[in-house]
Structures are given as C-alpha cells and as structure tokens.
Amino acid sequence: MLAVPGPARQAGTEIAAELARLVEIEHTGQPAHVGHLEGPEASLHAVLAGLRQERPDEPAAVVVPLSTGPDPALDAAVRDAVAAAPVPAVAAEPLGPHPLIAEALHDRLADAGLARADRIRMMTMVTAASGFIVATPGDAVAVRQAEVTSVLLASRLAAPVFTASLNDEASFRAAAEQLRVSGAASVAVAPHLIGPEPEWHRVAAAAASIGAGYSAPLGPHPALARVAALRYVEALSRALAD
C-alpha cells in the first residue's frame, strides 16, 4: 500500500497509480494499492478497511509512505491509519534516503537538459549547470536527511551539490550564493519531491528567485518502485520476525 500525502489530485493520483503498477512488476505476487492521507476519495483508512487478511500469520497490508525522506506528520498519519485498520497492517519506512533516489534525481536533471548522463556508464560527461541544489520540503532535520542524497548526487554529477529547504527562502538563496562563490557559473534545482507533495508548487518560484533552471519531480521513476518494493520486504520481514 502506497500512502500518498494530501488528497486525491489528478497529478498525484496518476503518479501514485503508475508507481503502484511498477511496484507490482518489481515485486510480483502481491497487488499494490494507493491510499491518500487527506480527503474522502481513496483514503488510506477506506482502502485498508476494504482489505481482508489472506493468511493468519501475515499482515493484510504493508503501508509504505510515498515520501523521499522522514516526514513526522506523514509518518504519524500512516501509523494512525495502521493502528485504526480493521485488519492487521504494518507501517514501512519512507522511500529515502536511498542511493536509488540520487539516480532518479540525476535522470530528471538529464531529462530537463540540466545534466547530460552517459546511460551506459551512468556518469555525467557534460552538464548544462555547474552547481546544483537539492530542494527538499521540511525543516532543518529534513535537509540533513536529504544531504545523504545530495552527496550521492554530487558524486554522479562530478559537481558541487548543496541542500536547501523549500520552506526556507533564505537558506535556499544562501545555498545558491555558496555555489556561485565556489565557482558554479550556473545553478540548477533538483526537486527532492515525488509530485503529490504540496511543496511542488513552490519549486518554480524558488528556482526563479535565484535565476536557476529546475527539473521535474521524481514522479513514477522505476528507481522509486524498486525502493518501495525494498521497504515492503524490510517491513514484512520485521513483522514476521516479531
């Protein structure tokens, strides 16, 4: 079960549905569902209530937060939904941090023409930008979590990468200034977002404020499906061990 932040919206619903399809391909044998954490339509509570326990020794669902990193509000909402479910369910860890997210960010930058990737070697040979900001939602804790991804992305791009919060304009501008002081002639923004998050709407304005280009959100990238399948296996293994 993919737990999507916010209510059901067209873009977010399409991203989550495609990721669920990719998860089913990645981890065959189990159906993947989508539940939203706000609003009455396809709510996580309702989707969990519609499940039944197929085997008495296994949970009926593993709920994976559709998030690139720990989010206290999202994680608490998932735990509450799991606790209130009429069938046994367990909560998994969010998708990130994980090296595969850096791979997905790299691909999205390449798609936008902001980084050119050699798909065979998975190394950047030429970049349209010489410095990058991984823009993440959340507070200073979220920024520290995303810095793991930033370090991995920097090694792929062979370029400096800073991390900044979309909720803190001053830190965002400071990151851009640090990049330019370090010699980056042009800066690009890599949104550390999947797409359903409300902070996605801040990306364009944040990038414009520092004169930077930006890539699309991660969306239904196959790397995220692989991480979601991994989180499912991890949570299920813990549940069965307990």
C-alpha atoms as a PDB file:
ATOM      1  CA  MET A   1       0.000   0.000   0.000  1.00  0.00           C
ATOM      2  CA  LEU A   2       1.444   3.366  -1.053  1.00  0.00           C
ATOM      3  CA  ALA A   3       0.406   6.145   1.336  1.00  0.00           C
ATOM      4  CA  VAL A   4       0.135   9.409  -0.612  1.00  0.00           C
ATOM      5  CA  PRO A   5       0.364  12.778   1.178  1.00  0.00           C
ATOM      6  CA  GLY A   6      -2.592  15.098   0.699  1.00  0.00           C
ATOM      7  CA  PRO A   7      -5.924  14.435  -1.002  1.00  0.00           C
ATOM      8  CA  ALA A   8      -6.505  12.661  -4.293  1.00  0.00           C
ATOM      9  CA  ARG A   9      -5.492  15.032  -7.095  1.00  0.00           C
ATOM     10  CA  GLN A  10      -5.089  14.261 -10.756  1.00  0.00           C
ATOM     11  CA  ALA A  11      -1.311  14.566 -10.966  1.00  0.00           C
ATOM     12  CA  GLY A  12      -0.633  12.919  -7.621  1.00  0.00           C
ATOM     13  CA  THR A  13      -3.130  10.140  -8.273  1.00  0.00           C
ATOM     14  CA  GLU A  14      -1.610   9.366 -11.666  1.00  0.00           C
ATOM     15  CA  ILE A  15       1.927   9.283 -10.230  1.00  0.00           C
ATOM     16  CA  ALA A  16       0.892   7.002  -7.366  1.00  0.00           C
ATOM     17  CA  ALA A  17      -1.087   4.689  -9.660  1.00  0.00           C
ATOM     18  CA  GLU A  18       1.862   4.309 -12.043  1.00  0.00           C
ATOM     19  CA  LEU A  19       4.254   3.697  -9.152  1.00  0.00           C
ATOM     20  CA  ALA A  20       1.870   1.038  -7.806  1.00  0.00           C
ATOM     21  CA  ARG A  21       1.898  -0.639 -11.224  1.00  0.00           C
ATOM     22  CA  LEU A  22       5.689  -0.577 -11.293  1.00  0.00           C
ATOM     23  CA  VAL A  23       5.860  -1.969  -7.757  1.00  0.00           C
ATOM     24  CA  GLU A  24       3.703  -4.908  -8.810  1.00  0.00           C
ATOM     25  CA  ILE A  25       6.115  -5.567 -11.674  1.00  0.00           C
ATOM     26  CA  GLU A  26       9.104  -5.157  -9.361  1.00  0.00           C
ATOM     27  CA  HIS A  27       7.683  -7.416  -6.647  1.00  0.00           C
ATOM     28  CA  THR A  28       5.377  -9.881  -8.355  1.00  0.00           C
ATOM     29  CA  GLY A  29       2.837 -11.878  -6.427  1.00  0.00           C
ATOM     30  CA  GLN A  30       1.263  -9.096  -4.376  1.00  0.00           C
ATOM     31  CA  PRO A  31      -1.125  -6.360  -5.519  1.00  0.00           C
ATOM     32  CA  ALA A  32      -0.160  -2.749  -4.825  1.00  0.00           C
ATOM     33  CA  HIS A  33      -2.835  -0.282  -3.710  1.00  0.00           C
ATOM     34  CA  VAL A  34      -2.884   3.501  -3.272  1.00  0.00           C
ATOM     35  CA  GLY A  35      -4.367   5.340  -0.301  1.00  0.00           C
ATOM     36  CA  HIS A  36      -4.479   9.108   0.233  1.00  0.00           C
ATOM     37  CA  LEU A  37      -3.962  10.637   3.645  1.00  0.00           C
ATOM     38  CA  GLU A  38      -6.427  13.504   3.182  1.00  0.00           C
ATOM     39  CA  GLY A  39      -9.924  13.741   1.759  1.00  0.00           C
ATOM     40  CA  PRO A  40     -12.660  11.149   1.406  1.00  0.00           C
ATOM     41  CA  GLU A  41     -11.679   9.864  -2.035  1.00  0.00           C
ATOM     42  CA  ALA A  42      -9.489   6.732  -1.996  1.00  0.00           C
ATOM     43  CA  SER A  43      -8.446   7.491   1.574  1.00  0.00           C
ATOM     44  CA  LEU A  44      -5.868   5.262   3.233  1.00  0.00           C
ATOM     45  CA  HIS A  45      -8.350   4.412   6.001  1.00  0.00           C
ATOM     46  CA  ALA A  46     -11.003   3.335   3.479  1.00  0.00           C
ATOM     47  CA  VAL A  47      -8.620   1.300   1.338  1.00  0.00           C
ATOM     48  CA  LEU A  48      -7.262  -0.514   4.399  1.00  0.00           C
ATOM     49  CA  ALA A  49     -10.818  -1.182   5.570  1.00  0.00           C
ATOM     50  CA  GLY A  50     -11.578  -2.821   2.234  1.00  0.00           C
ATOM     51  CA  LEU A  51      -8.805  -5.393   2.578  1.00  0.00           C
ATOM     52  CA  ARG A  52      -9.017  -8.808   4.142  1.00  0.00           C
ATOM     53  CA  GLN A  53      -6.342 -10.911   5.728  1.00  0.00           C
ATOM     54  CA  GLU A  54      -5.481 -13.729   3.371  1.00  0.00           C
ATOM     55  CA  ARG A  55      -3.213 -15.615   5.781  1.00  0.00           C
ATOM     56  CA  PRO A  56      -3.452 -15.638   9.588  1.00  0.00           C
ATOM     57  CA  ASP A  57       0.326 -15.478  10.018  1.00  0.00           C
ATOM     58  CA  GLU A  58       0.871 -12.393   7.825  1.00  0.00           C
ATOM     59  CA  PRO A  59      -0.363  -8.793   7.914  1.00  0.00           C
ATOM     60  CA  ALA A  60      -3.028  -7.856   5.393  1.00  0.00           C
ATOM     61  CA  ALA A  61      -1.023  -4.832   4.233  1.00  0.00           C
ATOM     62  CA  VAL A  62       2.350  -3.123   4.415  1.00  0.00           C
ATOM     63  CA  VAL A  63       1.941   0.654   4.141  1.00  0.00           C
ATOM     64  CA  VAL A  64       4.850   2.496   2.513  1.00  0.00           C
ATOM     65  CA  PRO A  65       4.867   6.307   2.895  1.00  0.00           C
ATOM     66  CA  LEU A  66       5.283   7.914  -0.522  1.00  0.00           C
ATOM     67  CA  SER A  67       7.965  10.287   0.682  1.00  0.00           C
ATOM     68  CA  THR A  68      11.614  10.908  -0.186  1.00  0.00           C
ATOM     69  CA  GLY A  69      12.531  11.142   3.487  1.00  0.00           C
ATOM     70  CA  PRO A  70      11.204  11.026   7.035  1.00  0.00           C
ATOM     71  CA  ASP A  71       8.256  13.385   7.478  1.00  0.00           C
ATOM     72  CA  PRO A  72       6.935  13.479  11.063  1.00  0.00           C
ATOM     73  CA  ALA A  73       3.388  14.480  10.071  1.00  0.00           C
ATOM     74  CA  LEU A  74       3.161  11.954   7.241  1.00  0.00           C
ATOM     75  CA  ASP A  75       4.730   9.166   9.292  1.00  0.00           C
ATOM     76  CA  ALA A  76       2.339   9.837  12.191  1.00  0.00           C
ATOM     77  CA  ALA A  77      -0.665   9.786   9.842  1.00  0.00           C
ATOM     78  CA  VAL A  78       0.456   6.443   8.427  1.00  0.00           C
ATOM     79  CA  ARG A  79       0.923   4.973  11.919  1.00  0.00           C
ATOM     80  CA  ASP A  80      -2.526   6.227  12.971  1.00  0.00           C
ATOM     81  CA  ALA A  81      -4.136   4.658   9.897  1.00  0.00           C
ATOM     82  CA  VAL A  82      -2.351   1.371  10.500  1.00  0.00           C
ATOM     83  CA  ALA A  83      -3.393   1.340  14.164  1.00  0.00           C
ATOM     84  CA  ALA A  84      -7.038   2.042  13.251  1.00  0.00           C
ATOM     85  CA  ALA A  85      -7.217  -0.531  10.449  1.00  0.00           C
ATOM     86  CA  PRO A  86      -9.696  -3.381  10.981  1.00  0.00           C
ATOM     87  CA  VAL A  87      -7.117  -5.820   9.592  1.00  0.00           C
ATOM     88  CA  PRO A  88      -3.504  -6.341  10.708  1.00  0.00           C
ATOM     89  CA  ALA A  89      -1.200  -3.890   8.937  1.00  0.00           C
ATOM     90  CA  VAL A  90       2.334  -2.582   9.407  1.00  0.00           C
ATOM     91  CA  ALA A  91       3.999   0.705   8.517  1.00  0.00           C
ATOM     92  CA  ALA A  92       7.199   0.728   6.473  1.00  0.00           C
ATOM     93  CA  GLU A  93       9.970   3.313   6.326  1.00  0.00           C
ATOM     94  CA  PRO A  94       9.735   6.161   3.787  1.00  0.00           C
ATOM     95  CA  LEU A  95      11.489   5.706   0.465  1.00  0.00           C
ATOM     96  CA  GLY A  96      14.522   7.803   1.307  1.00  0.00           C
ATOM     97  CA  PRO A  97      17.254   8.382   1.913  1.00  0.00           C
ATOM     98  CA  HIS A  98      18.488   5.760  -0.534  1.00  0.00           C
ATOM     99  CA  PRO A  99      21.107   5.747  -3.342  1.00  0.00           C
ATOM    100  CA  LEU A 100      18.411   4.992  -5.921  1.00  0.00           C
ATOM    101  CA  ILE A 101      16.829   8.387  -5.256  1.00  0.00           C
ATOM    102  CA  ALA A 102      20.076  10.052  -6.328  1.00  0.00           C
ATOM    103  CA  GLU A 103      19.890   8.011  -9.532  1.00  0.00           C
ATOM    104  CA  ALA A 104      16.341   9.219 -10.140  1.00  0.00           C
ATOM    105  CA  LEU A 105      17.292  12.859  -9.485  1.00  0.00           C
ATOM    106  CA  HIS A 106      20.154  12.510 -11.957  1.00  0.00           C
ATOM    107  CA  ASP A 107      17.801  11.179 -14.604  1.00  0.00           C
ATOM    108  CA  ARG A 108      15.299  14.006 -14.094  1.00  0.00           C
ATOM    109  CA  LEU A 109      18.068  16.599 -14.409  1.00  0.00           C
ATOM    110  CA  ALA A 110      19.195  14.927 -17.629  1.00  0.00           C
ATOM    111  CA  ASP A 111      15.603  14.882 -18.911  1.00  0.00           C
ATOM    112  CA  ALA A 112      15.454  18.661 -18.368  1.00  0.00           C
ATOM    113  CA  GLY A 113      18.745  19.220 -20.191  1.00  0.00           C
ATOM    114  CA  LEU A 114      20.413  20.341 -16.960  1.00  0.00           C
ATOM    115  CA  ALA A 115      22.768  17.369 -16.767  1.00  0.00           C
ATOM    116  CA  ARG A 116      23.865  15.082 -19.558  1.00  0.00           C
ATOM    117  CA  ALA A 117      24.112  11.478 -18.433  1.00  0.00           C
ATOM    118  CA  ASP A 118      26.039   8.701 -20.086  1.00  0.00           C
ATOM    119  CA  ARG A 119      23.391   5.999 -19.708  1.00  0.00           C
ATOM    120  CA  ILE A 120      25.934   3.208 -20.122  1.00  0.00           C
ATOM    121  CA  ARG A 121      28.430   4.367 -17.525  1.00  0.00           C
ATOM    122  CA  MET A 122      25.859   6.331 -15.500  1.00  0.00           C
ATOM    123  CA  MET A 123      28.279   9.232 -15.223  1.00  0.00           C
ATOM    124  CA  THR A 124      27.800  12.819 -16.251  1.00  0.00           C
ATOM    125  CA  MET A 125      30.085  13.830 -19.085  1.00  0.00           C
ATOM    126  CA  VAL A 126      28.780  17.351 -19.730  1.00  0.00           C
ATOM    127  CA  THR A 127      26.379  19.412 -17.648  1.00  0.00           C
ATOM    128  CA  ALA A 128      24.335  22.428 -18.598  1.00  0.00           C
ATOM    129  CA  ALA A 129      24.654  23.537 -14.973  1.00  0.00           C
ATOM    130  CA  SER A 130      27.832  23.587 -12.901  1.00  0.00           C
ATOM    131  CA  GLY A 131      26.204  23.624  -9.463  1.00  0.00           C
ATOM    132  CA  PHE A 132      23.058  22.034  -8.089  1.00  0.00           C
ATOM    133  CA  ILE A 133      20.599  22.452  -5.231  1.00  0.00           C
ATOM    134  CA  VAL A 134      18.619  19.511  -3.941  1.00  0.00           C
ATOM    135  CA  ALA A 135      15.404  21.239  -2.874  1.00  0.00           C
ATOM    136  CA  THR A 136      13.534  19.348  -0.206  1.00  0.00           C
ATOM    137  CA  PRO A 137      10.354  20.045   1.755  1.00  0.00           C
ATOM    138  CA  GLY A 138      10.514  20.250   5.523  1.00  0.00           C
ATOM    139  CA  ASP A 139      12.752  21.748   8.181  1.00  0.00           C
ATOM    140  CA  ALA A 140      16.438  21.524   9.084  1.00  0.00           C
ATOM    141  CA  VAL A 141      16.041  17.860  10.004  1.00  0.00           C
ATOM    142  CA  ALA A 142      14.662  17.108   6.532  1.00  0.00           C
ATOM    143  CA  VAL A 143      17.578  18.984   4.983  1.00  0.00           C
ATOM    144  CA  ARG A 144      20.077  16.867   6.936  1.00  0.00           C
ATOM    145  CA  GLN A 145      18.330  13.705   5.772  1.00  0.00           C
ATOM    146  CA  ALA A 146      18.390  14.879   2.138  1.00  0.00           C
ATOM    147  CA  GLU A 147      22.093  15.680   2.365  1.00  0.00           C
ATOM    148  CA  VAL A 148      22.767  11.948   2.106  1.00  0.00           C
ATOM    149  CA  THR A 149      21.164  12.037  -1.332  1.00  0.00           C
ATOM    150  CA  SER A 150      22.999  15.255  -2.213  1.00  0.00           C
ATOM    151  CA  VAL A 151      26.390  13.666  -1.544  1.00  0.00           C
ATOM    152  CA  LEU A 152      25.498  10.709  -3.752  1.00  0.00           C
ATOM    153  CA  LEU A 153      24.215  13.015  -6.482  1.00  0.00           C
ATOM    154  CA  ALA A 154      27.387  15.117  -6.347  1.00  0.00           C
ATOM    155  CA  SER A 155      29.487  12.020  -6.970  1.00  0.00           C
ATOM    156  CA  ARG A 156      27.355  11.149 -10.008  1.00  0.00           C
ATOM    157  CA  LEU A 157      27.452  14.677 -11.435  1.00  0.00           C
ATOM    158  CA  ALA A 158      31.083  15.419 -10.526  1.00  0.00           C
ATOM    159  CA  ALA A 159      29.807  18.846  -9.490  1.00  0.00           C
ATOM    160  CA  PRO A 160      29.023  20.622  -6.198  1.00  0.00           C
ATOM    161  CA  VAL A 161      25.584  19.959  -4.740  1.00  0.00           C
ATOM    162  CA  PHE A 162      24.013  21.796  -1.800  1.00  0.00           C
ATOM    163  CA  THR A 163      20.783  21.000   0.003  1.00  0.00           C
ATOM    164  CA  ALA A 164      18.106  23.556   0.910  1.00  0.00           C
ATOM    165  CA  SER A 165      14.563  23.605   2.214  1.00  0.00           C
ATOM    166  CA  LEU A 166      11.706  24.801   0.035  1.00  0.00           C
ATOM    167  CA  ASN A 167      10.167  26.066   3.271  1.00  0.00           C
ATOM    168  CA  ASP A 168      13.095  28.419   3.955  1.00  0.00           C
ATOM    169  CA  GLU A 169      13.718  31.017   1.229  1.00  0.00           C
ATOM    170  CA  ALA A 170      16.767  32.451   2.994  1.00  0.00           C
ATOM    171  CA  SER A 171      18.534  29.082   3.141  1.00  0.00           C
ATOM    172  CA  PHE A 172      17.661  28.473  -0.497  1.00  0.00           C
ATOM    173  CA  ARG A 173      19.264  31.746  -1.597  1.00  0.00           C
ATOM    174  CA  ALA A 174      22.248  31.072   0.683  1.00  0.00           C
ATOM    175  CA  ALA A 175      22.833  27.705  -0.999  1.00  0.00           C
ATOM    176  CA  ALA A 176      22.808  29.368  -4.419  1.00  0.00           C
ATOM    177  CA  GLU A 177      25.273  32.011  -3.233  1.00  0.00           C
ATOM    178  CA  GLN A 178      27.593  29.336  -1.822  1.00  0.00           C
ATOM    179  CA  LEU A 179      27.563  27.533  -5.151  1.00  0.00           C
ATOM    180  CA  ARG A 180      28.402  30.680  -7.069  1.00  0.00           C
ATOM    181  CA  VAL A 181      31.159  31.617  -4.634  1.00  0.00           C
ATOM    182  CA  SER A 182      32.605  28.134  -5.129  1.00  0.00           C
ATOM    183  CA  GLY A 183      32.781  28.806  -8.872  1.00  0.00           C
ATOM    184  CA  ALA A 184      29.486  27.481 -10.236  1.00  0.00           C
ATOM    185  CA  ALA A 185      28.627  29.651 -13.235  1.00  0.00           C
ATOM    186  CA  SER A 186      25.074  28.333 -13.447  1.00  0.00           C
ATOM    187  CA  VAL A 187      22.828  26.647 -10.899  1.00  0.00           C
ATOM    188  CA  ALA A 188      20.061  24.083 -11.352  1.00  0.00           C
ATOM    189  CA  VAL A 189      17.461  22.880  -8.868  1.00  0.00           C
ATOM    190  CA  ALA A 190      16.707  19.181  -8.370  1.00  0.00           C
ATOM    191  CA  PRO A 191      13.360  18.863  -6.535  1.00  0.00           C
ATOM    192  CA  HIS A 192      13.615  16.191  -3.844  1.00  0.00           C
ATOM    193  CA  LEU A 193       9.926  15.500  -4.384  1.00  0.00           C
ATOM    194  CA  ILE A 194       7.814  12.769  -5.902  1.00  0.00           C
ATOM    195  CA  GLY A 195       4.991  15.024  -7.114  1.00  0.00           C
ATOM    196  CA  PRO A 196       1.920  14.795  -4.862  1.00  0.00           C
ATOM    197  CA  GLU A 197       3.540  16.950  -2.153  1.00  0.00           C
ATOM    198  CA  PRO A 198       2.093  20.473  -1.848  1.00  0.00           C
ATOM    199  CA  GLU A 199       5.628  21.917  -1.833  1.00  0.00           C
ATOM    200  CA  TRP A 200       5.990  21.081  -5.533  1.00  0.00           C
ATOM    201  CA  HIS A 201       4.158  24.309  -6.331  1.00  0.00           C
ATOM    202  CA  ARG A 202       6.984  26.299  -4.685  1.00  0.00           C
ATOM    203  CA  VAL A 203       9.734  24.935  -6.908  1.00  0.00           C
ATOM    204  CA  ALA A 204       9.264  27.237  -9.916  1.00  0.00           C
ATOM    205  CA  ALA A 205       9.223  30.401  -7.799  1.00  0.00           C
ATOM    206  CA  ALA A 206      12.193  29.248  -5.723  1.00  0.00           C
ATOM    207  CA  ALA A 207      14.238  28.494  -8.838  1.00  0.00           C
ATOM    208  CA  ALA A 208      13.261  31.818 -10.439  1.00  0.00           C
ATOM    209  CA  SER A 209      14.335  33.695  -7.303  1.00  0.00           C
ATOM    210  CA  ILE A 210      17.940  32.543  -7.846  1.00  0.00           C
ATOM    211  CA  GLY A 211      17.892  32.555 -11.645  1.00  0.00           C
ATOM    212  CA  ALA A 212      18.090  28.760 -11.895  1.00  0.00           C
ATOM    213  CA  GLY A 213      16.514  26.086 -14.028  1.00  0.00           C
ATOM    214  CA  TYR A 214      14.823  23.109 -12.420  1.00  0.00           C
ATOM    215  CA  SER A 215      13.879  19.560 -13.249  1.00  0.00           C
ATOM    216  CA  ALA A 216      10.563  17.777 -12.916  1.00  0.00           C
ATOM    217  CA  PRO A 217       9.646  15.913  -9.725  1.00  0.00           C
ATOM    218  CA  LEU A 218      10.766  12.320  -9.477  1.00  0.00           C
ATOM    219  CA  GLY A 219       7.298  11.085 -10.423  1.00  0.00           C
ATOM    220  CA  PRO A 220       6.842   7.397 -11.273  1.00  0.00           C
ATOM    221  CA  HIS A 221      10.535   6.705 -11.730  1.00  0.00           C
ATOM    222  CA  PRO A 222      11.350   2.964 -11.786  1.00  0.00           C
ATOM    223  CA  ALA A 223      14.019   3.523  -9.121  1.00  0.00           C
ATOM    224  CA  LEU A 224      11.315   4.611  -6.667  1.00  0.00           C
ATOM    225  CA  ALA A 225       9.362   1.433  -7.370  1.00  0.00           C
ATOM    226  CA  ARG A 226      12.451  -0.602  -6.555  1.00  0.00           C
ATOM    227  CA  VAL A 227      12.881   1.253  -3.269  1.00  0.00           C
ATOM    228  CA  ALA A 228       9.182   0.820  -2.414  1.00  0.00           C
ATOM    229  CA  ALA A 229       9.487  -2.935  -3.010  1.00  0.00           C
ATOM    230  CA  LEU A 230      12.556  -2.969  -0.762  1.00  0.00           C
ATOM    231  CA  ARG A 231      10.723  -1.095   2.017  1.00  0.00           C
ATOM    232  CA  TYR A 232       7.869  -3.613   1.704  1.00  0.00           C
ATOM    233  CA  VAL A 233      10.246  -6.544   2.146  1.00  0.00           C
ATOM    234  CA  GLU A 234      12.014  -4.889   5.095  1.00  0.00           C
ATOM    235  CA  ALA A 235       8.773  -4.130   6.952  1.00  0.00           C
ATOM    236  CA  LEU A 236       7.260  -7.534   6.240  1.00  0.00           C
ATOM    237  CA  SER A 237      10.428  -9.282   7.440  1.00  0.00           C
ATOM    238  CA  ARG A 238      10.343  -7.318  10.708  1.00  0.00           C
ATOM    239  CA  ALA A 239       6.651  -8.096  11.185  1.00  0.00           C
ATOM    240  CA  LEU A 240       7.146 -11.824  10.609  1.00  0.00           C
ATOM    241  CA  ALA A 241      10.170 -11.874  12.922  1.00  0.00           C
ATOM    242  CA  ASP A 242       8.134 -10.238  15.688  1.00  0.00           C
END
